[in-house]
Amino acid sequence: MDTHATYKNLVQAGLTDRQSEAIVDGLRGSRDTLVTNEKLDSVRNFLLAEIAAEIAALETRLLRWIIGSGVAITAAIIGGYFV
């Protein structure tokens, strides 16, 4: 944003120098807090990576639980034949 051009436009529209400076300063400060598409993409990519990592960890835990249950059931069945 060209703050000097904005200032000049405000003065030409009839605002005083102080009013124009105050508005331009406010715009300059608010520009730093605006969310851009790049910032949104960065946050989205970070969150997607976090979600993917969490899903992978849950898949591993689930697979261990399933294998452990299968081994326990198999052992119980085999043990039942020898009792």
Protein backbone atom coordinates (compact mmCIF):
# COMPACT_ATOMS: atom_id res chain seq x y z
CA MET A 1 0.00 0.00 0.00
CA ASP A 2 1.36 3.38 -0.97
CA THR A 3 0.83 5.36 2.23
CA HIS A 4 2.05 8.63 0.76
CA ALA A 5 -0.45 8.42 -2.11
CA THR A 6 -3.19 7.58 0.38
CA TYR A 7 -2.18 10.58 2.49
CA LYS A 8 -2.27 12.86 -0.55
CA ASN A 9 -5.69 11.54 -1.59
CA LEU A 10 -7.07 12.18 1.89
CA VAL A 11 -5.71 15.72 1.95
CA GLN A 12 -7.11 16.38 -1.53
CA ALA A 13 -10.48 15.07 -0.33
CA GLY A 14 -10.52 17.82 2.30
CA LEU A 15 -9.12 16.21 5.43
CA THR A 16 -6.53 18.07 7.49
CA ASP A 17 -2.90 16.97 7.59
CA ARG A 18 -3.36 15.58 11.13
CA GLN A 19 -6.47 13.63 10.16
CA SER A 20 -4.80 12.21 7.07
CA GLU A 21 -1.69 11.22 9.03
CA ALA A 22 -3.82 9.54 11.70
CA ILE A 23 -5.74 7.54 9.12
CA VAL A 24 -2.60 6.48 7.26
CA ASP A 25 -0.92 5.48 10.55
CA GLY A 26 -3.98 3.42 11.46
CA LEU A 27 -3.98 1.73 8.08
CA ARG A 28 -0.26 1.03 8.33
CA GLY A 29 -0.71 -0.61 11.73
CA SER A 30 -3.71 -2.66 10.68
CA ARG A 31 -1.89 -3.97 7.61
CA ASP A 32 0.44 -5.98 9.86
CA THR A 33 -2.50 -7.85 11.40
CA LEU A 34 -4.24 -8.73 8.14
CA VAL A 35 -4.43 -12.39 7.27
CA THR A 36 -3.10 -13.07 3.81
CA ASN A 37 -3.64 -16.09 1.63
CA GLU A 38 -0.02 -17.05 2.19
CA LYS A 39 -0.49 -17.02 5.97
CA LEU A 40 -3.67 -19.08 5.66
CA ASP A 41 -1.90 -21.59 3.39
CA SER A 42 0.96 -21.85 5.86
CA VAL A 43 -1.38 -22.53 8.78
CA ARG A 44 -3.42 -24.99 6.71
CA ASN A 45 -0.30 -26.92 5.67
CA PHE A 46 0.92 -27.02 9.27
CA LEU A 47 -2.42 -28.31 10.54
CA LEU A 48 -2.65 -30.92 7.77
CA ALA A 49 0.82 -32.18 8.65
CA GLU A 50 -0.13 -32.38 12.34
CA ILE A 51 -3.33 -34.25 11.53
CA ALA A 52 -1.49 -36.67 9.23
CA ALA A 53 1.09 -37.38 11.96
CA GLU A 54 -1.66 -37.99 14.51
CA ILE A 55 -3.52 -40.33 12.15
CA ALA A 56 -0.31 -42.28 11.51
CA ALA A 57 0.28 -42.64 15.26
CA LEU A 58 -3.31 -43.82 15.80
CA GLU A 59 -3.01 -46.32 12.95
CA THR A 60 0.13 -47.75 14.56
CA ARG A 61 -1.58 -48.07 17.95
CA LEU A 62 -4.62 -49.70 16.38
CA LEU A 63 -2.49 -52.16 14.42
CA ARG A 64 -0.58 -53.15 17.58
CA TRP A 65 -3.87 -53.67 19.42
CA ILE A 66 -5.29 -55.82 16.60
CA ILE A 67 -2.15 -57.96 16.34
CA GLY A 68 -1.98 -58.34 20.12
CA SER A 69 -5.63 -59.40 20.26
CA GLY A 70 -5.09 -61.87 17.43
CA VAL A 71 -2.14 -63.43 19.23
CA ALA A 72 -4.09 -63.65 22.50
CA ILE A 73 -7.11 -65.24 20.79
CA THR A 74 -4.90 -67.71 18.93
CA ALA A 75 -3.12 -68.62 22.16
CA ALA A 76 -6.47 -69.12 23.90
CA ILE A 77 -7.74 -71.38 21.11
CA ILE A 78 -4.54 -73.45 21.00
CA GLY A 79 -4.46 -73.60 24.81
CA GLY A 80 -8.06 -74.83 24.81
CA TYR A 81 -7.17 -77.87 22.74
CA PHE A 82 -4.51 -78.99 25.20
CA VAL A 83 -6.57 -78.65 28.35
